[in-house]
Amino acid sequence: MALSLSTFPAKTLTTKTVITHFPQNPKTLILEQCKTTRDLNQVHAHLIKTRLVHHPSVVEPLLESATLLVSDATIEYAESIFCALENPDSSAYNVMIRGYTKKELPEKAILLFRQMIEQMVEPDEFTFPSILKACSRLRASREGEQIHTHVLKLQNGFGSKEFVENALVFMYASYGRVNLARQMFDEMSKRSAITWNAMFSGYVRAGYWQEVIGLFRKMIEMDVGFNEVTLISVLTACGRVRDLDLGEWIYEYVESNAFKKCVVMDGANSRSS
């Protein structure tokens, strides 16, 4: 099912242009100086007048600002820009997918990804983290697995797989498929704190308390840095399984390293629940 964006009304460009100088490639002007929808309208009107609106390298910064950067811009305005593109490339699709995901519209993100595939526009490593996050928020397991298949087909061409792998671990952990998430986690060559915390979060959500503690002990053995989010998960597990020794170690670590008080309070609440 293709997503039809043409039904969304384009925003009328009635604001008089007051920017007196437009560089030949106004990317910096768009990304750094456009702070409101009014600014975007001024630039957009100029791009239409000069026909630069047909150049993807010029329009995509406008789309990015409308979708992700300008706080008062509506998603409908971004859609009107996207729909005016004759042959949107992967960068334009990526911006819209990120925008839909950021604005809590995961259904539209997934529909737009389907349209991207139907239009034979090849996804890249920047496409997948956002669309996998949309699947996680929607708990769309079937769609997530289909997207994972696309990842496996294309990942040899990626410059960096880390962000895509992080998103896959987070997605499967959020579904409660923690064994599959852990398998992917163990196979990763690089793991950021975000990846570790996604795995901890999946175990906590599934009630796998011993696995939380075991993973944390492995984290310490490998001398991997952790943060407050990590410790909240581990303290929750300590309270559930009555691991007082590890709990006391974390409390002492928090006090000696000036971690935020919320770690101790959240851990205490978990222990009393």
C-alpha atoms as a PDB file:
ATOM      1  CA  MET A   1       0.000   0.000   0.000  1.00  0.00           C
ATOM      2  CA  ALA A   2       1.599   3.229  -1.124  1.00  0.00           C
ATOM      3  CA  LEU A   3       1.337   6.334   0.969  1.00  0.00           C
ATOM      4  CA  SER A   4      -0.319   9.175  -0.869  1.00  0.00           C
ATOM      5  CA  LEU A   5       0.885  12.501   0.430  1.00  0.00           C
ATOM      6  CA  SER A   6      -0.771  14.573  -2.283  1.00  0.00           C
ATOM      7  CA  THR A   7      -3.971  14.927  -0.270  1.00  0.00           C
ATOM      8  CA  PHE A   8      -2.263  17.131   2.299  1.00  0.00           C
ATOM      9  CA  PRO A   9      -2.791  20.839   1.563  1.00  0.00           C
ATOM     10  CA  ALA A  10       0.287  22.831   0.694  1.00  0.00           C
ATOM     11  CA  LYS A  11       0.891  25.861   2.862  1.00  0.00           C
ATOM     12  CA  THR A  12       0.129  29.100   1.019  1.00  0.00           C
ATOM     13  CA  LEU A  13       3.211  31.247   0.602  1.00  0.00           C
ATOM     14  CA  THR A  14       1.826  34.692   1.317  1.00  0.00           C
ATOM     15  CA  THR A  15       4.720  36.120   3.328  1.00  0.00           C
ATOM     16  CA  LYS A  16       6.655  38.787   1.464  1.00  0.00           C
ATOM     17  CA  THR A  17      10.305  37.895   0.977  1.00  0.00           C
ATOM     18  CA  VAL A  18      12.513  40.149   3.066  1.00  0.00           C
ATOM     19  CA  ILE A  19      15.807  38.272   2.819  1.00  0.00           C
ATOM     20  CA  THR A  20      17.813  40.438   0.473  1.00  0.00           C
ATOM     21  CA  HIS A  21      20.627  38.087  -0.488  1.00  0.00           C
ATOM     22  CA  PHE A  22      20.359  34.445  -1.493  1.00  0.00           C
ATOM     23  CA  PRO A  23      23.572  32.561  -2.205  1.00  0.00           C
ATOM     24  CA  GLN A  24      23.669  30.292  -5.232  1.00  0.00           C
ATOM     25  CA  ASN A  25      23.416  27.285  -2.923  1.00  0.00           C
ATOM     26  CA  PRO A  26      21.440  28.481   0.119  1.00  0.00           C
ATOM     27  CA  LYS A  27      21.954  25.322   2.205  1.00  0.00           C
ATOM     28  CA  THR A  28      23.737  27.145   5.043  1.00  0.00           C
ATOM     29  CA  LEU A  29      21.169  29.935   4.971  1.00  0.00           C
ATOM     30  CA  ILE A  30      18.334  27.408   5.275  1.00  0.00           C
ATOM     31  CA  LEU A  31      19.835  25.217   7.984  1.00  0.00           C
ATOM     32  CA  GLU A  32      21.340  27.943  10.159  1.00  0.00           C
ATOM     33  CA  GLN A  33      19.238  31.086   9.682  1.00  0.00           C
ATOM     34  CA  CYS A  34      15.711  29.759   9.190  1.00  0.00           C
ATOM     35  CA  LYS A  35      14.251  29.689  12.692  1.00  0.00           C
ATOM     36  CA  THR A  36      10.505  29.979  12.001  1.00  0.00           C
ATOM     37  CA  THR A  37       7.967  28.902   9.410  1.00  0.00           C
ATOM     38  CA  ARG A  38       7.914  32.501   8.173  1.00  0.00           C
ATOM     39  CA  ASP A  39      11.646  32.267   7.390  1.00  0.00           C
ATOM     40  CA  LEU A  40      11.064  28.998   5.544  1.00  0.00           C
ATOM     41  CA  ASN A  41       8.240  30.548   3.536  1.00  0.00           C
ATOM     42  CA  GLN A  42      10.499  33.385   2.436  1.00  0.00           C
ATOM     43  CA  VAL A  43      13.200  31.013   1.258  1.00  0.00           C
ATOM     44  CA  HIS A  44      10.684  28.628  -0.281  1.00  0.00           C
ATOM     45  CA  ALA A  45       9.111  31.468  -2.293  1.00  0.00           C
ATOM     46  CA  HIS A  46      12.547  32.452  -3.589  1.00  0.00           C
ATOM     47  CA  LEU A  47      13.342  28.859  -4.584  1.00  0.00           C
ATOM     48  CA  ILE A  48      10.079  28.611  -6.504  1.00  0.00           C
ATOM     49  CA  LYS A  49      10.703  31.953  -8.259  1.00  0.00           C
ATOM     50  CA  THR A  50      14.254  30.977  -9.307  1.00  0.00           C
ATOM     51  CA  ARG A  51      13.281  27.356 -10.072  1.00  0.00           C
ATOM     52  CA  LEU A  52      15.927  26.136  -7.642  1.00  0.00           C
ATOM     53  CA  VAL A  53      13.071  24.243  -6.020  1.00  0.00           C
ATOM     54  CA  HIS A  54      13.696  21.498  -8.598  1.00  0.00           C
ATOM     55  CA  HIS A  55      17.251  20.886  -7.345  1.00  0.00           C
ATOM     56  CA  PRO A  56      17.322  18.150  -4.652  1.00  0.00           C
ATOM     57  CA  SER A  57      20.544  19.494  -3.093  1.00  0.00           C
ATOM     58  CA  VAL A  58      18.748  22.777  -2.423  1.00  0.00           C
ATOM     59  CA  VAL A  59      15.295  21.504  -1.491  1.00  0.00           C
ATOM     60  CA  GLU A  60      16.437  18.795   0.924  1.00  0.00           C
ATOM     61  CA  PRO A  61      17.855  21.312   3.445  1.00  0.00           C
ATOM     62  CA  LEU A  62      14.502  23.122   3.264  1.00  0.00           C
ATOM     63  CA  LEU A  63      12.730  19.814   3.883  1.00  0.00           C
ATOM     64  CA  GLU A  64      15.058  19.001   6.777  1.00  0.00           C
ATOM     65  CA  SER A  65      14.407  22.369   8.409  1.00  0.00           C
ATOM     66  CA  ALA A  66      10.645  22.038   7.985  1.00  0.00           C
ATOM     67  CA  THR A  67      10.615  18.496   9.329  1.00  0.00           C
ATOM     68  CA  LEU A  68      13.223  18.453  12.077  1.00  0.00           C
ATOM     69  CA  LEU A  69      14.659  21.859  12.926  1.00  0.00           C
ATOM     70  CA  VAL A  70      12.014  24.593  12.902  1.00  0.00           C
ATOM     71  CA  SER A  71       9.827  24.079  15.957  1.00  0.00           C
ATOM     72  CA  ASP A  72       6.679  25.810  14.670  1.00  0.00           C
ATOM     73  CA  ALA A  73       6.671  24.105  11.261  1.00  0.00           C
ATOM     74  CA  THR A  74       3.889  21.559  10.750  1.00  0.00           C
ATOM     75  CA  ILE A  75       4.348  18.118   9.274  1.00  0.00           C
ATOM     76  CA  GLU A  76       1.796  19.103   6.608  1.00  0.00           C
ATOM     77  CA  TYR A  77       4.135  21.850   5.414  1.00  0.00           C
ATOM     78  CA  ALA A  78       6.987  19.364   5.170  1.00  0.00           C
ATOM     79  CA  GLU A  79       4.697  17.000   3.241  1.00  0.00           C
ATOM     80  CA  SER A  80       3.862  19.762   0.765  1.00  0.00           C
ATOM     81  CA  ILE A  81       7.573  20.243   0.066  1.00  0.00           C
ATOM     82  CA  PHE A  82       8.154  16.500  -0.289  1.00  0.00           C
ATOM     83  CA  CYS A  83       5.200  16.041  -2.641  1.00  0.00           C
ATOM     84  CA  ALA A  84       6.574  18.747  -4.956  1.00  0.00           C
ATOM     85  CA  LEU A  85       9.743  16.728  -5.553  1.00  0.00           C
ATOM     86  CA  GLU A  86       9.593  15.002  -8.921  1.00  0.00           C
ATOM     87  CA  ASN A  87      11.899  12.109  -8.041  1.00  0.00           C
ATOM     88  CA  PRO A  88      12.751  12.177  -4.341  1.00  0.00           C
ATOM     89  CA  ASP A  89      15.961  10.322  -3.539  1.00  0.00           C
ATOM     90  CA  SER A  90      16.848   8.337  -0.442  1.00  0.00           C
ATOM     91  CA  SER A  91      17.972  11.480   1.422  1.00  0.00           C
ATOM     92  CA  ALA A  92      14.543  13.088   1.022  1.00  0.00           C
ATOM     93  CA  TYR A  93      12.780   9.905   2.129  1.00  0.00           C
ATOM     94  CA  ASN A  94      15.140   9.627   5.100  1.00  0.00           C
ATOM     95  CA  VAL A  95      14.305  13.140   6.274  1.00  0.00           C
ATOM     96  CA  MET A  96      10.561  12.504   6.088  1.00  0.00           C
ATOM     97  CA  ILE A  97      10.838   9.133   7.860  1.00  0.00           C
ATOM     98  CA  ARG A  98      12.877  10.761  10.631  1.00  0.00           C
ATOM     99  CA  GLY A  99      10.346  13.562  10.848  1.00  0.00           C
ATOM    100  CA  TYR A 100       7.362  11.208  11.130  1.00  0.00           C
ATOM    101  CA  THR A 101       9.148   9.176  13.792  1.00  0.00           C
ATOM    102  CA  LYS A 102      10.150  12.275  15.764  1.00  0.00           C
ATOM    103  CA  LYS A 103       6.608  13.654  15.638  1.00  0.00           C
ATOM    104  CA  GLU A 104       5.139  10.383  16.941  1.00  0.00           C
ATOM    105  CA  LEU A 105       3.626   9.335  13.611  1.00  0.00           C
ATOM    106  CA  PRO A 106       5.168   5.850  13.229  1.00  0.00           C
ATOM    107  CA  GLU A 107       2.340   4.596  10.988  1.00  0.00           C
ATOM    108  CA  LYS A 108       3.136   7.258   8.388  1.00  0.00           C
ATOM    109  CA  ALA A 109       6.849   6.480   8.640  1.00  0.00           C
ATOM    110  CA  ILE A 110       6.192   2.820   7.827  1.00  0.00           C
ATOM    111  CA  LEU A 111       3.839   3.665   4.969  1.00  0.00           C
ATOM    112  CA  LEU A 112       6.406   6.041   3.494  1.00  0.00           C
ATOM    113  CA  PHE A 113       9.090   3.354   3.723  1.00  0.00           C
ATOM    114  CA  ARG A 114       6.800   1.037   1.757  1.00  0.00           C
ATOM    115  CA  GLN A 115       6.379   3.743  -0.866  1.00  0.00           C
ATOM    116  CA  MET A 116      10.156   4.142  -0.992  1.00  0.00           C
ATOM    117  CA  ILE A 117      10.574   0.436  -1.772  1.00  0.00           C
ATOM    118  CA  GLU A 118       7.750   0.484  -4.353  1.00  0.00           C
ATOM    119  CA  GLN A 119       9.391   3.446  -6.092  1.00  0.00           C
ATOM    120  CA  MET A 120      12.652   1.468  -6.305  1.00  0.00           C
ATOM    121  CA  VAL A 121      14.528   3.960  -4.121  1.00  0.00           C
ATOM    122  CA  GLU A 122      17.196   1.997  -2.277  1.00  0.00           C
ATOM    123  CA  PRO A 123      17.367   2.513   1.506  1.00  0.00           C
ATOM    124  CA  ASP A 124      20.715   3.144   3.152  1.00  0.00           C
ATOM    125  CA  GLU A 125      22.224   3.025   6.641  1.00  0.00           C
ATOM    126  CA  PHE A 126      20.533   6.342   7.457  1.00  0.00           C
ATOM    127  CA  THR A 127      17.094   5.015   6.534  1.00  0.00           C
ATOM    128  CA  PHE A 128      17.009   2.038   8.852  1.00  0.00           C
ATOM    129  CA  PRO A 129      17.549   3.468  12.360  1.00  0.00           C
ATOM    130  CA  SER A 130      14.519   5.763  12.041  1.00  0.00           C
ATOM    131  CA  ILE A 131      12.206   3.223  10.420  1.00  0.00           C
ATOM    132  CA  LEU A 132      13.200   0.547  12.958  1.00  0.00           C
ATOM    133  CA  LYS A 133      12.475   3.028  15.759  1.00  0.00           C
ATOM    134  CA  ALA A 134       9.044   3.600  14.196  1.00  0.00           C
ATOM    135  CA  CYS A 135       8.431  -0.167  14.210  1.00  0.00           C
ATOM    136  CA  SER A 136       9.478  -0.312  17.874  1.00  0.00           C
ATOM    137  CA  ARG A 137       7.062   2.442  18.869  1.00  0.00           C
ATOM    138  CA  LEU A 138       4.227   0.847  16.937  1.00  0.00           C
ATOM    139  CA  ARG A 139       5.215  -2.665  18.071  1.00  0.00           C
ATOM    140  CA  ALA A 140       4.961  -3.640  14.423  1.00  0.00           C
ATOM    141  CA  SER A 141       6.876  -6.914  14.644  1.00  0.00           C
ATOM    142  CA  ARG A 142       6.008  -8.217  11.166  1.00  0.00           C
ATOM    143  CA  GLU A 143       7.106  -4.981   9.496  1.00  0.00           C
ATOM    144  CA  GLY A 144      10.227  -4.904  11.654  1.00  0.00           C
ATOM    145  CA  GLU A 145      11.232  -8.384  10.538  1.00  0.00           C
ATOM    146  CA  GLN A 146      10.659  -7.440   6.887  1.00  0.00           C
ATOM    147  CA  ILE A 147      12.887  -4.405   7.324  1.00  0.00           C
ATOM    148  CA  HIS A 148      15.512  -6.603   8.985  1.00  0.00           C
ATOM    149  CA  THR A 149      15.490  -8.678   5.799  1.00  0.00           C
ATOM    150  CA  HIS A 150      16.247  -5.529   3.783  1.00  0.00           C
ATOM    151  CA  VAL A 151      19.112  -4.790   6.179  1.00  0.00           C
ATOM    152  CA  LEU A 152      20.620  -8.235   5.627  1.00  0.00           C
ATOM    153  CA  LYS A 153      20.427  -7.769   1.847  1.00  0.00           C
ATOM    154  CA  LEU A 154      22.092  -4.364   1.867  1.00  0.00           C
ATOM    155  CA  GLN A 155      24.371  -4.259   4.903  1.00  0.00           C
ATOM    156  CA  ASN A 156      27.539  -5.243   3.003  1.00  0.00           C
ATOM    157  CA  GLY A 157      27.287  -1.905   1.208  1.00  0.00           C
ATOM    158  CA  PHE A 158      27.004   0.132   4.393  1.00  0.00           C
ATOM    159  CA  GLY A 159      29.877   2.357   5.419  1.00  0.00           C
ATOM    160  CA  SER A 160      28.978   1.803   9.080  1.00  0.00           C
ATOM    161  CA  LYS A 161      26.591  -0.796  10.502  1.00  0.00           C
ATOM    162  CA  GLU A 162      26.717   0.295  14.135  1.00  0.00           C
ATOM    163  CA  PHE A 163      23.640   2.551  14.135  1.00  0.00           C
ATOM    164  CA  VAL A 164      21.592  -0.022  12.216  1.00  0.00           C
ATOM    165  CA  GLU A 165      22.607  -2.841  14.561  1.00  0.00           C
ATOM    166  CA  ASN A 166      21.790  -0.653  17.577  1.00  0.00           C
ATOM    167  CA  ALA A 167      18.332  -0.027  16.171  1.00  0.00           C
ATOM    168  CA  LEU A 168      17.754  -3.749  15.571  1.00  0.00           C
ATOM    169  CA  VAL A 169      18.768  -4.671  19.130  1.00  0.00           C
ATOM    170  CA  PHE A 170      16.492  -1.946  20.502  1.00  0.00           C
ATOM    171  CA  MET A 171      13.598  -3.057  18.295  1.00  0.00           C
ATOM    172  CA  TYR A 172      13.744  -6.742  19.227  1.00  0.00           C
ATOM    173  CA  ALA A 173      14.279  -5.918  22.903  1.00  0.00           C
ATOM    174  CA  SER A 174      11.235  -3.632  22.838  1.00  0.00           C
ATOM    175  CA  TYR A 175       9.146  -6.479  21.396  1.00  0.00           C
ATOM    176  CA  GLY A 176      10.192  -8.762  24.251  1.00  0.00           C
ATOM    177  CA  ARG A 177      12.191 -10.981  21.883  1.00  0.00           C
ATOM    178  CA  VAL A 178      15.167 -10.691  24.149  1.00  0.00           C
ATOM    179  CA  ASN A 179      16.886 -13.908  23.040  1.00  0.00           C
ATOM    180  CA  LEU A 180      17.085 -12.653  19.461  1.00  0.00           C
ATOM    181  CA  ALA A 181      18.140  -9.197  20.676  1.00  0.00           C
ATOM    182  CA  ARG A 182      20.896 -10.809  22.779  1.00  0.00           C
ATOM    183  CA  GLN A 183      22.084 -12.907  19.855  1.00  0.00           C
ATOM    184  CA  MET A 184      22.477  -9.781  17.744  1.00  0.00           C
ATOM    185  CA  PHE A 185      24.052  -7.968  20.675  1.00  0.00           C
ATOM    186  CA  ASP A 186      26.696 -10.665  21.129  1.00  0.00           C
ATOM    187  CA  GLU A 187      27.527 -10.645  17.416  1.00  0.00           C
ATOM    188  CA  MET A 188      28.155  -6.891  17.274  1.00  0.00           C
ATOM    189  CA  SER A 189      31.757  -5.763  16.882  1.00  0.00           C
ATOM    190  CA  LYS A 190      31.033  -2.383  18.521  1.00  0.00           C
ATOM    191  CA  ARG A 191      28.529  -1.654  21.268  1.00  0.00           C
ATOM    192  CA  SER A 192      27.742   1.818  22.522  1.00  0.00           C
ATOM    193  CA  ALA A 193      26.197   2.608  25.910  1.00  0.00           C
ATOM    194  CA  ILE A 194      22.883   2.960  24.057  1.00  0.00           C
ATOM    195  CA  THR A 195      23.144  -0.656  22.868  1.00  0.00           C
ATOM    196  CA  TRP A 196      23.899  -1.993  26.335  1.00  0.00           C
ATOM    197  CA  ASN A 197      21.030  -0.003  27.829  1.00  0.00           C
ATOM    198  CA  ALA A 198      18.633  -1.240  25.152  1.00  0.00           C
ATOM    199  CA  MET A 199      19.539  -4.795  26.131  1.00  0.00           C
ATOM    200  CA  PHE A 200      19.112  -4.028  29.842  1.00  0.00           C
ATOM    201  CA  SER A 201      15.765  -2.381  29.134  1.00  0.00           C
ATOM    202  CA  GLY A 202      14.559  -5.425  27.180  1.00  0.00           C
ATOM    203  CA  TYR A 203      15.500  -7.768  30.021  1.00  0.00           C
ATOM    204  CA  VAL A 204      13.773  -5.538  32.598  1.00  0.00           C
ATOM    205  CA  ARG A 205      10.630  -5.315  30.485  1.00  0.00           C
ATOM    206  CA  ALA A 206      10.574  -9.119  30.176  1.00  0.00           C
ATOM    207  CA  GLY A 207      11.320  -9.649  33.873  1.00  0.00           C
ATOM    208  CA  TYR A 208      14.637 -11.415  33.181  1.00  0.00           C
ATOM    209  CA  TRP A 209      16.291 -10.189  36.374  1.00  0.00           C
ATOM    210  CA  GLN A 210      19.183 -12.660  36.546  1.00  0.00           C
ATOM    211  CA  GLU A 211      20.080 -11.839  32.948  1.00  0.00           C
ATOM    212  CA  VAL A 212      20.254  -8.133  33.853  1.00  0.00           C
ATOM    213  CA  ILE A 213      22.711  -8.883  36.654  1.00  0.00           C
ATOM    214  CA  GLY A 214      24.749 -11.286  34.523  1.00  0.00           C
ATOM    215  CA  LEU A 215      25.005  -8.756  31.707  1.00  0.00           C
ATOM    216  CA  PHE A 216      26.075  -6.033  34.122  1.00  0.00           C
ATOM    217  CA  ARG A 217      28.812  -8.235  35.573  1.00  0.00           C
ATOM    218  CA  LYS A 218      30.025  -8.874  32.016  1.00  0.00           C
ATOM    219  CA  MET A 219      29.967  -5.116  31.414  1.00  0.00           C
ATOM    220  CA  ILE A 220      32.224  -4.568  34.430  1.00  0.00           C
ATOM    221  CA  GLU A 221      34.583  -7.379  33.400  1.00  0.00           C
ATOM    222  CA  MET A 222      34.947  -5.798  29.954  1.00  0.00           C
ATOM    223  CA  ASP A 223      35.558  -2.380  31.555  1.00  0.00           C
ATOM    224  CA  VAL A 224      32.702  -0.806  29.595  1.00  0.00           C
ATOM    225  CA  GLY A 225      31.534   2.569  30.857  1.00  0.00           C
ATOM    226  CA  PHE A 226      27.972   2.748  32.154  1.00  0.00           C
ATOM    227  CA  ASN A 227      25.631   5.560  33.126  1.00  0.00           C
ATOM    228  CA  GLU A 228      22.619   6.365  35.299  1.00  0.00           C
ATOM    229  CA  VAL A 229      20.222   4.613  32.941  1.00  0.00           C
ATOM    230  CA  THR A 230      22.246   1.409  33.257  1.00  0.00           C
ATOM    231  CA  LEU A 231      22.303   1.544  37.037  1.00  0.00           C
ATOM    232  CA  ILE A 232      18.550   2.104  37.346  1.00  0.00           C
ATOM    233  CA  SER A 233      17.940  -1.129  35.411  1.00  0.00           C
ATOM    234  CA  VAL A 234      20.487  -3.059  37.463  1.00  0.00           C
ATOM    235  CA  LEU A 235      19.214  -1.744  40.793  1.00  0.00           C
ATOM    236  CA  THR A 236      15.702  -2.776  39.782  1.00  0.00           C
ATOM    237  CA  ALA A 237      16.992  -6.305  39.126  1.00  0.00           C
ATOM    238  CA  CYS A 238      18.911  -6.341  42.418  1.00  0.00           C
ATOM    239  CA  GLY A 239      15.718  -5.530  44.273  1.00  0.00           C
ATOM    240  CA  ARG A 240      13.787  -8.283  42.508  1.00  0.00           C
ATOM    241  CA  VAL A 241      16.296 -11.063  43.194  1.00  0.00           C
ATOM    242  CA  ARG A 242      17.514  -9.710  46.549  1.00  0.00           C
ATOM    243  CA  ASP A 243      21.116  -9.369  45.390  1.00  0.00           C
ATOM    244  CA  LEU A 244      22.152  -7.182  48.326  1.00  0.00           C
ATOM    245  CA  ASP A 245      25.897  -7.365  47.637  1.00  0.00           C
ATOM    246  CA  LEU A 246      25.642  -5.938  44.122  1.00  0.00           C
ATOM    247  CA  GLY A 247      23.030  -3.434  45.266  1.00  0.00           C
ATOM    248  CA  GLU A 248      25.338  -2.123  48.001  1.00  0.00           C
ATOM    249  CA  TRP A 249      28.244  -1.957  45.542  1.00  0.00           C
ATOM    250  CA  ILE A 250      26.135   0.208  43.207  1.00  0.00           C
ATOM    251  CA  TYR A 251      25.032   2.485  46.065  1.00  0.00           C
ATOM    252  CA  GLU A 252      28.658   3.021  47.078  1.00  0.00           C
ATOM    253  CA  TYR A 253      29.681   3.607  43.464  1.00  0.00           C
ATOM    254  CA  VAL A 254      26.918   6.172  43.009  1.00  0.00           C
ATOM    255  CA  GLU A 255      27.966   8.097  46.129  1.00  0.00           C
ATOM    256  CA  SER A 256      31.703   8.037  45.387  1.00  0.00           C
ATOM    257  CA  ASN A 257      31.242   9.062  41.730  1.00  0.00           C
ATOM    258  CA  ALA A 258      28.630  11.791  42.314  1.00  0.00           C
ATOM    259  CA  PHE A 259      26.004  10.175  40.118  1.00  0.00           C
ATOM    260  CA  LYS A 260      22.573  11.776  40.042  1.00  0.00           C
ATOM    261  CA  LYS A 261      20.388  11.156  43.094  1.00  0.00           C
ATOM    262  CA  CYS A 262      17.643   9.740  40.876  1.00  0.00           C
ATOM    263  CA  VAL A 263      19.670   6.514  40.518  1.00  0.00           C
ATOM    264  CA  VAL A 264      19.499   5.807  44.248  1.00  0.00           C
ATOM    265  CA  MET A 265      15.862   6.879  44.559  1.00  0.00           C
ATOM    266  CA  ASP A 266      14.669   4.830  41.585  1.00  0.00           C
ATOM    267  CA  GLY A 267      16.603   1.832  42.860  1.00  0.00           C
ATOM    268  CA  ALA A 268      15.103   2.221  46.316  1.00  0.00           C
ATOM    269  CA  ASN A 269      11.598   2.447  44.858  1.00  0.00           C
ATOM    270  CA  SER A 270      12.207  -0.713  42.839  1.00  0.00           C
ATOM    271  CA  ARG A 271      13.452  -2.578  45.893  1.00  0.00           C
ATOM    272  CA  SER A 272      10.344  -1.659  47.866  1.00  0.00           C
ATOM    273  CA  SER A 273       7.896  -2.625  45.086  1.00  0.00           C
END
